[in-house]
Amino acid sequence: MTVRGSFVVQPANGVRGVVRVPGDKSIAHRYALLAALSPGRSVLRGYAPGADCRATLACIEALGAAVVRAEATVTVIGRGVGRLSSPAGILDALNSGTTTRLLTGVLAGHPFTATITGDDSLRRRPMRRVIVPLTLMGARIGSTNGCLPMTIEGGPLRGIDYHTEVPSAQVKSAILLAGLHASGVTRVTESAPTRNHTEVALSRFGADVTVTGSVVELRGGQTLHAVDLEIPGDLSSAAFWAVAAAAMPGSSVELPQVGLNPTRRVVLDVLQRAGAEIEVDESSSDGGEPVGCVRVRHAGVRPITVSPGDVPGLIDELPALAALATHGGEITVTGAAELRVKESDRISALVAGLRALGADADELPDGFHVNGSRRLAGGVADAVGDHRLAMSFAIAALGARGPSTILGAESVDVSYPGFFGVLSSLTI
């Protein structure tokens, strides 16, 4: 039941069913931006329906690309590398950090000035991590104490050899997208492996990208071409149903046509460590992104530790894994300070929300600890406008003794419109 932005989750005996999750958010952002930089007509099937990805479409439209939406299929008539046009107004990224950082890389190579802003949450998120390398490449970027609003004065860029300080696929992607517009070679060396969707997408759109270990290299001045691609289901969205099935006796879910990119599959490995029974059938690869069916069944819940080396491949799934621990397990996460600068301070808000439901949970400086030795009582958890927290609290609440109210439930529309309807259809 949804009332004024809240949703009441009733205790459940388990979850069962088949769920086709929305298109992958990370991939959708990248395909849309590259389609705008590719002359001609690109067709993106299974485009992610959430507000974040709609923000990217609105921004490329404001920059001169034509966009036609037909349910889950988006057609983009692109302009070509360096050929976007000056926007008539301020570009609004809403709540999307991915839109902001990747688009900044694109704008850095264009000979006009553009300003990006966003909602209150996004305006608090750090942008210096892209400002520094893009400035080294030749862009001039003004910001509000390293945050939005941010004004990018683009122009001729030069390739750089950059070593990332914070593992971030968004920073890597911003530099590579700027590198398309730069003279010479742009090289990014990662401090730890992150999602490689940008490298895969660049190749699919016709760019020559070289990956050697932790180093990604791209020559500037390349021409892209239009594509017709299917976007796989979002594994980060599927993770919530996988966790629910892993958490509750008698539960099982089947997740067809989900993305199985190796840089994203860590969550499945961790769920197996936590006791889940998982089958993966990889069936195809479209655009270099492997796709398949994931089946998850409950087989007990064991304690797990997530170390700093696991975190870059799990950053979006950590709240869901915290929810798993409330169902009789235990989790300790360290090396995840990045969670404090997401849509919310996800460490503080996660622990507060789980405690409000009756969990034994504690903050750590760079992570959290949840001990599920006692069953949740139920209560009122505030998602503080963070979509992943709203979904995580809902999964935790399934195992409570009484009903739970999730405040800020409407935030799920950022990545997974219809999430609560699917939740209701799966519970038994």
Protein backbone atom coordinates (compact mmCIF):
# COMPACT_ATOMS: atom_id res chain seq x y z
CA MET A 1 0.00 0.00 0.00
CA THR A 2 1.43 3.40 -1.04
CA VAL A 3 0.32 6.55 0.82
CA ARG A 4 1.91 10.01 0.29
CA GLY A 5 5.28 8.71 -0.77
CA SER A 6 5.33 5.79 1.67
CA PHE A 7 4.84 2.07 1.17
CA VAL A 8 3.76 -0.46 3.77
CA VAL A 9 5.51 -3.82 3.54
CA GLN A 10 3.74 -6.76 5.17
CA PRO A 11 5.69 -9.73 6.55
CA ALA A 12 5.99 -12.54 3.99
CA ASN A 13 6.65 -16.25 4.01
CA GLY A 14 8.92 -15.97 1.01
CA VAL A 15 9.14 -14.88 -2.62
CA ARG A 16 8.63 -16.87 -5.79
CA GLY A 17 8.35 -16.00 -9.46
CA VAL A 18 9.95 -14.84 -12.69
CA VAL A 19 11.01 -11.20 -13.02
CA ARG A 20 12.22 -9.41 -16.14
CA VAL A 21 13.98 -6.41 -14.64
CA PRO A 22 14.27 -3.03 -16.41
CA GLY A 23 17.19 -2.29 -18.74
CA ASP A 24 20.59 -1.69 -17.23
CA LYS A 25 20.87 1.90 -16.03
CA SER A 26 24.66 2.13 -16.39
CA ILE A 27 24.58 0.85 -19.96
CA ALA A 28 21.60 3.00 -20.97
CA HIS A 29 23.37 6.23 -19.96
CA ARG A 30 26.43 5.32 -22.00
CA TYR A 31 24.56 4.16 -25.09
CA ALA A 32 22.48 7.35 -25.13
CA LEU A 33 25.52 9.63 -24.90
CA LEU A 34 27.46 7.70 -27.54
CA ALA A 35 24.41 7.62 -29.80
CA ALA A 36 24.30 11.42 -29.59
CA LEU A 37 27.97 11.46 -30.68
CA SER A 38 27.31 9.07 -33.59
CA PRO A 39 26.00 10.48 -36.86
CA GLY A 40 22.79 8.77 -37.90
CA ARG A 41 20.00 6.76 -36.29
CA SER A 42 20.72 4.56 -33.28
CA VAL A 43 18.02 2.30 -31.84
CA LEU A 44 18.37 1.40 -28.17
CA ARG A 45 15.97 -1.38 -27.16
CA GLY A 46 15.17 -2.10 -23.52
CA TYR A 47 16.18 1.41 -22.48
CA ALA A 48 16.08 1.88 -18.70
CA PRO A 49 12.82 3.57 -17.66
CA GLY A 50 13.99 5.39 -14.53
CA ALA A 51 14.26 9.13 -13.97
CA ASP A 52 18.08 9.06 -14.07
CA CYS A 53 18.19 7.73 -17.63
CA ARG A 54 15.38 10.05 -18.70
CA ALA A 55 17.58 12.92 -17.50
CA THR A 56 20.35 11.81 -19.87
CA LEU A 57 17.90 11.76 -22.80
CA ALA A 58 16.65 15.25 -21.92
CA CYS A 59 20.22 16.55 -21.81
CA ILE A 60 21.24 15.15 -25.19
CA GLU A 61 18.01 16.55 -26.68
CA ALA A 62 18.94 19.98 -25.30
CA LEU A 63 22.32 19.56 -27.02
CA GLY A 64 20.80 18.96 -30.44
CA ALA A 65 20.29 15.20 -30.71
CA ALA A 66 16.81 14.08 -31.72
CA VAL A 67 15.21 11.54 -29.38
CA VAL A 68 12.11 9.45 -30.07
CA ARG A 69 10.68 7.35 -27.23
CA ALA A 70 8.38 4.38 -27.88
CA GLU A 71 7.90 2.50 -24.62
CA ALA A 72 11.19 0.71 -23.89
CA THR A 73 12.73 1.56 -27.28
CA VAL A 74 14.58 4.85 -27.72
CA THR A 75 15.76 6.12 -31.09
CA VAL A 76 18.50 8.74 -31.13
CA ILE A 77 19.49 10.75 -34.21
CA GLY A 78 23.05 11.69 -33.36
CA ARG A 79 25.20 14.61 -34.45
CA GLY A 80 28.74 13.19 -34.40
CA VAL A 81 31.79 13.59 -32.18
CA GLY A 82 32.29 17.27 -31.33
CA ARG A 83 29.13 18.31 -33.19
CA LEU A 84 26.60 18.81 -30.42
CA SER A 85 25.12 22.30 -30.20
CA SER A 86 25.06 24.88 -27.45
CA PRO A 87 22.02 24.39 -25.16
CA ALA A 88 19.45 27.15 -24.83
CA GLY A 89 19.33 26.79 -21.05
CA ILE A 90 20.82 25.03 -18.05
CA LEU A 91 21.10 21.24 -18.32
CA ASP A 92 19.25 19.49 -15.49
CA ALA A 93 20.65 16.09 -14.47
CA LEU A 94 17.96 15.71 -11.77
CA ASN A 95 19.36 13.10 -9.32
CA SER A 96 21.81 11.44 -11.71
CA GLY A 97 25.50 11.50 -10.87
CA THR A 98 26.23 9.34 -13.92
CA THR A 99 24.54 11.84 -16.24
CA THR A 100 26.49 14.69 -14.68
CA ARG A 101 29.97 13.19 -14.71
CA LEU A 102 29.79 11.50 -18.12
CA LEU A 103 28.13 14.49 -19.76
CA THR A 104 30.85 16.76 -18.35
CA GLY A 105 33.40 14.67 -20.24
CA VAL A 106 31.40 15.09 -23.46
CA LEU A 107 30.91 18.84 -22.99
CA ALA A 108 34.61 19.40 -22.28
CA GLY A 109 35.37 18.79 -25.94
CA HIS A 110 32.75 21.11 -27.43
CA PRO A 111 33.42 24.77 -28.31
CA PHE A 112 30.69 26.32 -26.20
CA THR A 113 29.79 26.95 -22.58
CA ALA A 114 27.16 24.88 -20.78
CA THR A 115 25.96 24.67 -17.19
CA ILE A 116 24.78 21.50 -15.44
CA THR A 117 22.71 21.45 -12.26
CA GLY A 118 20.58 18.90 -10.42
CA ASP A 119 18.36 18.36 -7.40
CA ASP A 120 19.38 19.08 -3.81
CA SER A 121 20.94 15.64 -3.38
CA LEU A 122 22.99 15.82 -6.57
CA ARG A 123 24.20 19.34 -5.76
CA ARG A 124 25.87 17.92 -2.65
CA ARG A 125 27.82 15.21 -4.48
CA PRO A 126 31.55 15.71 -5.21
CA MET A 127 32.54 16.69 -8.74
CA ARG A 128 36.22 17.59 -8.27
CA ARG A 129 37.11 14.03 -9.21
CA VAL A 130 36.10 14.83 -12.82
CA ILE A 131 36.98 18.52 -12.74
CA VAL A 132 40.68 17.81 -12.07
CA PRO A 133 41.43 15.47 -15.01
CA LEU A 134 39.23 17.37 -17.47
CA THR A 135 41.00 20.61 -16.53
CA LEU A 136 44.32 18.89 -17.19
CA MET A 137 42.99 18.05 -20.65
CA GLY A 138 42.27 21.73 -21.35
CA ALA A 139 38.66 22.35 -20.31
CA ARG A 140 37.75 25.25 -18.06
CA ILE A 141 35.25 24.25 -15.41
CA GLY A 142 33.69 26.42 -12.75
CA SER A 143 31.83 24.88 -9.83
CA THR A 144 30.27 25.65 -6.47
CA ASN A 145 32.94 24.45 -4.05
CA GLY A 146 33.52 21.39 -6.20
CA CYS A 147 29.79 20.67 -6.55
CA LEU A 148 26.94 21.60 -8.87
CA PRO A 149 25.98 23.91 -10.47
CA MET A 150 28.98 23.43 -12.74
CA THR A 151 29.83 25.44 -15.85
CA ILE A 152 31.95 23.78 -18.53
CA GLU A 153 33.77 25.93 -21.05
CA GLY A 154 34.83 23.39 -23.63
CA GLY A 155 37.32 23.61 -26.45
CA PRO A 156 40.39 21.89 -27.86
CA LEU A 157 41.57 19.11 -25.55
CA ARG A 158 44.79 17.15 -25.29
CA GLY A 159 45.14 13.54 -24.27
CA ILE A 160 46.49 12.79 -20.79
CA ASP A 161 47.92 9.87 -18.86
CA TYR A 162 45.79 9.82 -15.70
CA HIS A 163 45.90 7.58 -12.63
CA THR A 164 42.60 7.54 -10.74
CA GLU A 165 42.77 8.12 -6.98
CA VAL A 166 39.26 6.84 -6.20
CA PRO A 167 38.04 3.72 -8.04
CA SER A 168 35.22 5.17 -10.14
CA ALA A 169 33.78 4.02 -13.45
CA GLN A 170 32.19 7.47 -13.79
CA VAL A 171 35.55 9.26 -13.57
CA LYS A 172 37.16 6.82 -16.01
CA SER A 173 34.23 7.27 -18.39
CA ALA A 174 34.28 11.06 -18.25
CA ILE A 175 37.98 11.06 -19.18
CA LEU A 176 37.48 8.58 -22.03
CA LEU A 177 34.53 10.52 -23.45
CA ALA A 178 36.61 13.68 -23.33
CA GLY A 179 39.45 11.70 -24.91
CA LEU A 180 37.29 11.08 -27.99
CA HIS A 181 37.49 14.83 -28.58
CA ALA A 182 41.18 15.24 -27.68
CA SER A 183 44.38 15.31 -29.66
CA GLY A 184 46.75 12.42 -29.09
CA VAL A 185 46.15 9.46 -26.80
CA THR A 186 44.20 9.45 -23.54
CA ARG A 187 45.23 6.81 -21.03
CA VAL A 188 43.50 5.97 -17.74
CA THR A 189 45.12 3.72 -15.14
CA GLU A 190 42.66 2.56 -12.48
CA SER A 191 43.56 2.19 -8.83
CA ALA A 192 41.14 -0.76 -8.72
CA PRO A 193 39.01 -2.41 -11.44
CA THR A 194 35.60 -0.81 -12.03
CA ARG A 195 32.71 -1.39 -14.42
CA ASN A 196 33.87 -1.56 -18.03
CA HIS A 197 30.59 -0.64 -19.73
CA THR A 198 32.11 2.46 -21.31
CA GLU A 199 34.99 0.54 -22.88
CA VAL A 200 32.56 -2.08 -24.22
CA ALA A 201 30.16 0.57 -25.52
CA LEU A 202 32.90 2.60 -27.21
CA SER A 203 34.00 -0.50 -29.10
CA ARG A 204 30.44 -1.31 -30.13
CA PHE A 205 29.99 2.25 -31.48
CA GLY A 206 33.14 1.82 -33.58
CA ALA A 207 35.93 3.28 -31.45
CA ASP A 208 39.29 1.55 -31.10
CA VAL A 209 39.86 1.07 -27.35
CA THR A 210 42.81 -0.82 -25.87
CA VAL A 211 42.57 -2.42 -22.43
CA THR A 212 45.72 -3.84 -20.85
CA GLY A 213 45.24 -4.89 -17.27
CA SER A 214 44.22 -1.78 -15.33
CA VAL A 215 45.08 0.59 -18.21
CA VAL A 216 42.55 1.84 -20.77
CA GLU A 217 43.82 3.70 -23.83
CA LEU A 218 41.91 5.67 -26.46
CA ARG A 219 43.12 7.69 -29.44
CA GLY A 220 41.31 10.95 -30.05
CA GLY A 221 39.67 12.05 -33.28
CA GLN A 222 37.87 8.76 -33.96
CA THR A 223 34.52 8.62 -35.71
CA LEU A 224 31.65 6.64 -34.20
CA HIS A 225 28.80 4.92 -36.03
CA ALA A 226 25.13 4.42 -35.20
CA VAL A 227 23.96 1.11 -33.71
CA ASP A 228 20.87 -1.02 -33.11
CA LEU A 229 21.32 -2.66 -29.69
CA GLU A 230 19.37 -4.42 -26.95
CA ILE A 231 20.15 -3.27 -23.41
CA PRO A 232 20.23 -6.21 -20.97
CA GLY A 233 18.34 -6.28 -17.70
CA ASP A 234 19.97 -4.41 -14.83
CA LEU A 235 21.84 -6.79 -12.51
CA SER A 236 21.82 -4.17 -9.74
CA SER A 237 18.00 -4.13 -9.88
CA ALA A 238 17.88 -7.93 -10.13
CA ALA A 239 20.05 -8.10 -7.00
CA PHE A 240 17.10 -7.09 -4.81
CA TRP A 241 15.06 -10.10 -5.94
CA ALA A 242 18.11 -12.34 -5.71
CA VAL A 243 18.63 -11.20 -2.11
CA ALA A 244 14.96 -11.75 -1.26
CA ALA A 245 15.11 -15.30 -2.60
CA ALA A 246 18.40 -16.00 -0.83
CA ALA A 247 17.03 -14.65 2.44
CA MET A 248 13.78 -16.55 2.98
CA PRO A 249 13.12 -20.31 3.28
CA GLY A 250 11.17 -21.80 0.38
CA SER A 251 11.99 -18.87 -1.89
CA SER A 252 13.18 -18.91 -5.49
CA VAL A 253 13.28 -16.38 -8.31
CA GLU A 254 14.20 -16.57 -11.97
CA LEU A 255 15.73 -13.49 -13.61
CA PRO A 256 15.83 -13.85 -17.42
CA GLN A 257 17.73 -11.65 -19.86
CA VAL A 258 19.86 -10.01 -17.19
CA GLY A 259 23.28 -8.50 -17.87
CA LEU A 260 26.20 -10.67 -16.81
CA ASN A 261 29.13 -8.35 -17.39
CA PRO A 262 32.11 -9.81 -15.47
CA THR A 263 32.70 -6.48 -13.71
CA ARG A 264 29.18 -6.65 -12.25
CA ARG A 265 28.87 -10.31 -11.22
CA VAL A 266 30.59 -9.99 -7.85
CA VAL A 267 27.18 -9.77 -6.17
CA LEU A 268 26.34 -13.30 -7.34
CA ASP A 269 29.61 -14.62 -5.93
CA VAL A 270 28.92 -12.93 -2.59
CA LEU A 271 25.37 -14.33 -2.45
CA GLN A 272 26.81 -17.81 -2.95
CA ARG A 273 29.26 -17.18 -0.12
CA ALA A 274 26.25 -16.17 1.97
CA GLY A 275 24.61 -19.53 1.32
CA ALA A 276 22.37 -18.97 -1.71
CA GLU A 277 21.99 -21.60 -4.42
CA ILE A 278 22.60 -19.86 -7.76
CA GLU A 279 22.43 -21.08 -11.36
CA VAL A 280 23.62 -18.89 -14.23
CA ASP A 281 22.92 -19.69 -17.87
CA GLU A 282 24.72 -17.26 -20.17
CA SER A 283 22.84 -17.23 -23.46
CA SER A 284 24.04 -14.38 -25.67
CA SER A 285 26.06 -11.23 -26.04
CA ASP A 286 24.73 -8.08 -27.67
CA GLY A 287 27.12 -5.18 -27.99
CA GLY A 288 29.78 -7.09 -26.08
CA GLU A 289 27.61 -7.34 -22.97
CA PRO A 290 26.93 -10.96 -21.92
CA VAL A 291 23.30 -11.76 -21.12
CA GLY A 292 21.63 -14.75 -19.49
CA CYS A 293 19.24 -16.16 -16.92
CA VAL A 294 19.96 -16.19 -13.18
CA ARG A 295 18.06 -18.49 -10.81
CA VAL A 296 18.38 -18.00 -7.07
CA ARG A 297 17.07 -20.29 -4.33
CA HIS A 298 17.25 -20.12 -0.56
CA ALA A 299 19.67 -22.62 0.95
CA GLY A 300 20.46 -21.01 4.30
CA VAL A 301 22.05 -17.68 5.22
CA ARG A 302 25.69 -17.53 6.35
CA PRO A 303 27.80 -14.65 7.72
CA ILE A 304 29.88 -12.79 5.13
CA THR A 305 32.65 -10.21 5.10
CA VAL A 306 33.02 -7.70 2.28
CA SER A 307 36.59 -6.44 2.08
CA PRO A 308 37.85 -3.25 0.41
CA GLY A 309 38.92 -5.24 -2.66
CA ASP A 310 35.32 -6.39 -3.23
CA VAL A 311 33.75 -2.96 -2.90
CA PRO A 312 34.29 -1.40 -6.38
CA GLY A 313 32.37 -4.28 -7.98
CA LEU A 314 29.62 -4.18 -5.34
CA ILE A 315 29.11 -0.52 -4.55
CA ASP A 316 25.46 -0.38 -5.65
CA GLU A 317 24.52 -3.75 -4.14
CA LEU A 318 25.88 -3.22 -0.62
CA PRO A 319 22.57 -1.92 0.82
CA ALA A 320 20.77 -4.99 -0.55
CA LEU A 321 23.36 -7.27 1.05
CA ALA A 322 22.78 -5.46 4.34
CA ALA A 323 19.10 -6.38 3.99
CA LEU A 324 20.08 -10.02 3.47
CA ALA A 325 21.94 -10.02 6.79
CA THR A 326 18.78 -9.04 8.68
CA HIS A 327 17.25 -12.40 7.70
CA GLY A 328 19.42 -14.39 10.12
CA GLY A 329 22.82 -13.67 8.63
CA GLU A 330 25.61 -11.23 9.37
CA ILE A 331 27.67 -8.85 7.25
CA THR A 332 30.71 -6.67 7.85
CA VAL A 333 31.67 -4.16 5.15
CA THR A 334 34.85 -2.06 5.13
CA GLY A 335 36.54 0.06 2.48
CA ALA A 336 33.22 1.54 1.34
CA ALA A 337 33.59 5.20 2.32
CA GLU A 338 32.34 6.04 -1.20
CA LEU A 339 28.83 5.17 0.09
CA ARG A 340 28.87 8.38 2.10
CA VAL A 341 28.79 10.51 -1.08
CA LYS A 342 26.07 8.72 -3.02
CA GLU A 343 22.46 9.94 -3.31
CA SER A 344 22.62 10.08 0.49
CA ASP A 345 25.18 9.20 3.12
CA ARG A 346 24.28 5.59 2.50
CA ILE A 347 26.19 4.29 5.49
CA SER A 348 24.48 6.54 8.03
CA ALA A 349 21.01 6.37 6.45
CA LEU A 350 21.22 2.60 5.90
CA VAL A 351 22.10 1.88 9.51
CA ALA A 352 19.47 4.32 10.80
CA GLY A 353 16.75 2.77 8.66
CA LEU A 354 17.61 -0.80 9.57
CA ARG A 355 17.73 0.10 13.26
CA ALA A 356 14.29 1.69 12.92
CA LEU A 357 13.01 -1.69 11.73
CA GLY A 358 14.61 -3.41 14.73
CA ALA A 359 17.98 -4.51 13.33
CA ASP A 360 21.24 -4.80 15.23
CA ALA A 361 23.30 -2.52 12.95
CA ASP A 362 26.30 -0.25 13.44
CA GLU A 363 28.14 2.33 11.39
CA LEU A 364 31.84 1.94 10.69
CA PRO A 365 33.92 4.86 9.37
CA ASP A 366 34.09 3.22 5.95
CA GLY A 367 31.27 0.68 6.09
CA PHE A 368 28.81 -1.04 8.39
CA HIS A 369 28.07 -4.16 10.41
CA VAL A 370 24.66 -5.89 10.56
CA ASN A 371 23.96 -8.87 12.82
CA GLY A 372 20.73 -10.69 12.01
CA SER A 373 20.58 -12.82 15.15
CA ARG A 374 17.23 -11.29 16.06
CA ARG A 375 14.16 -10.99 13.84
CA LEU A 376 13.13 -7.49 12.84
CA ALA A 377 10.12 -6.10 14.66
CA GLY A 378 8.95 -3.80 11.88
CA GLY A 379 8.65 -0.05 12.10
CA VAL A 380 9.17 3.07 10.02
CA ALA A 381 12.34 3.40 7.91
CA ASP A 382 13.18 6.64 6.12
CA ALA A 383 14.87 6.11 2.74
CA VAL A 384 15.89 9.81 2.71
CA GLY A 385 15.05 10.05 -1.00
CA ASP A 386 17.53 7.29 -1.92
CA HIS A 387 16.14 4.67 -4.30
CA ARG A 388 18.50 1.88 -3.29
CA LEU A 389 17.77 2.37 0.39
CA ALA A 390 14.01 2.29 -0.23
CA MET A 391 14.32 -1.06 -2.01
CA SER A 392 16.74 -2.48 0.57
CA PHE A 393 14.48 -1.57 3.49
CA ALA A 394 11.57 -3.24 1.69
CA ILE A 395 13.52 -6.50 1.27
CA ALA A 396 14.58 -6.42 4.93
CA ALA A 397 10.99 -5.73 6.02
CA LEU A 398 9.73 -8.95 4.43
CA GLY A 399 11.22 -10.85 7.36
CA ALA A 400 9.83 -8.65 10.13
CA ARG A 401 7.25 -9.75 12.71
CA GLY A 402 4.96 -6.84 11.88
CA PRO A 403 4.31 -4.37 9.05
CA SER A 404 6.92 -1.81 8.08
CA THR A 405 6.50 1.59 6.49
CA ILE A 406 9.10 2.80 4.00
CA LEU A 407 9.17 6.60 3.82
CA GLY A 408 10.35 8.12 0.56
CA ALA A 409 9.21 5.05 -1.38
CA GLU A 410 8.64 7.15 -4.50
CA SER A 411 12.42 7.43 -4.88
CA VAL A 412 12.47 3.98 -6.51
CA ASP A 413 11.36 5.72 -9.71
CA VAL A 414 14.96 6.90 -10.10
CA SER A 415 15.98 3.40 -11.21
CA TYR A 416 13.09 0.96 -10.91
CA PRO A 417 9.57 2.28 -11.53
CA GLY A 418 7.08 -0.37 -10.50
CA PHE A 419 9.37 -1.98 -7.94
CA PHE A 420 6.71 -2.22 -5.25
CA GLY A 421 4.20 -3.74 -7.62
CA VAL A 422 6.68 -6.48 -8.47
CA LEU A 423 7.37 -6.99 -4.75
CA SER A 424 3.68 -7.55 -4.09
CA SER A 425 3.39 -10.02 -6.96
CA LEU A 426 6.31 -12.15 -5.71
CA THR A 427 5.49 -12.49 -2.02
CA ILE A 428 3.92 -15.69 -0.72
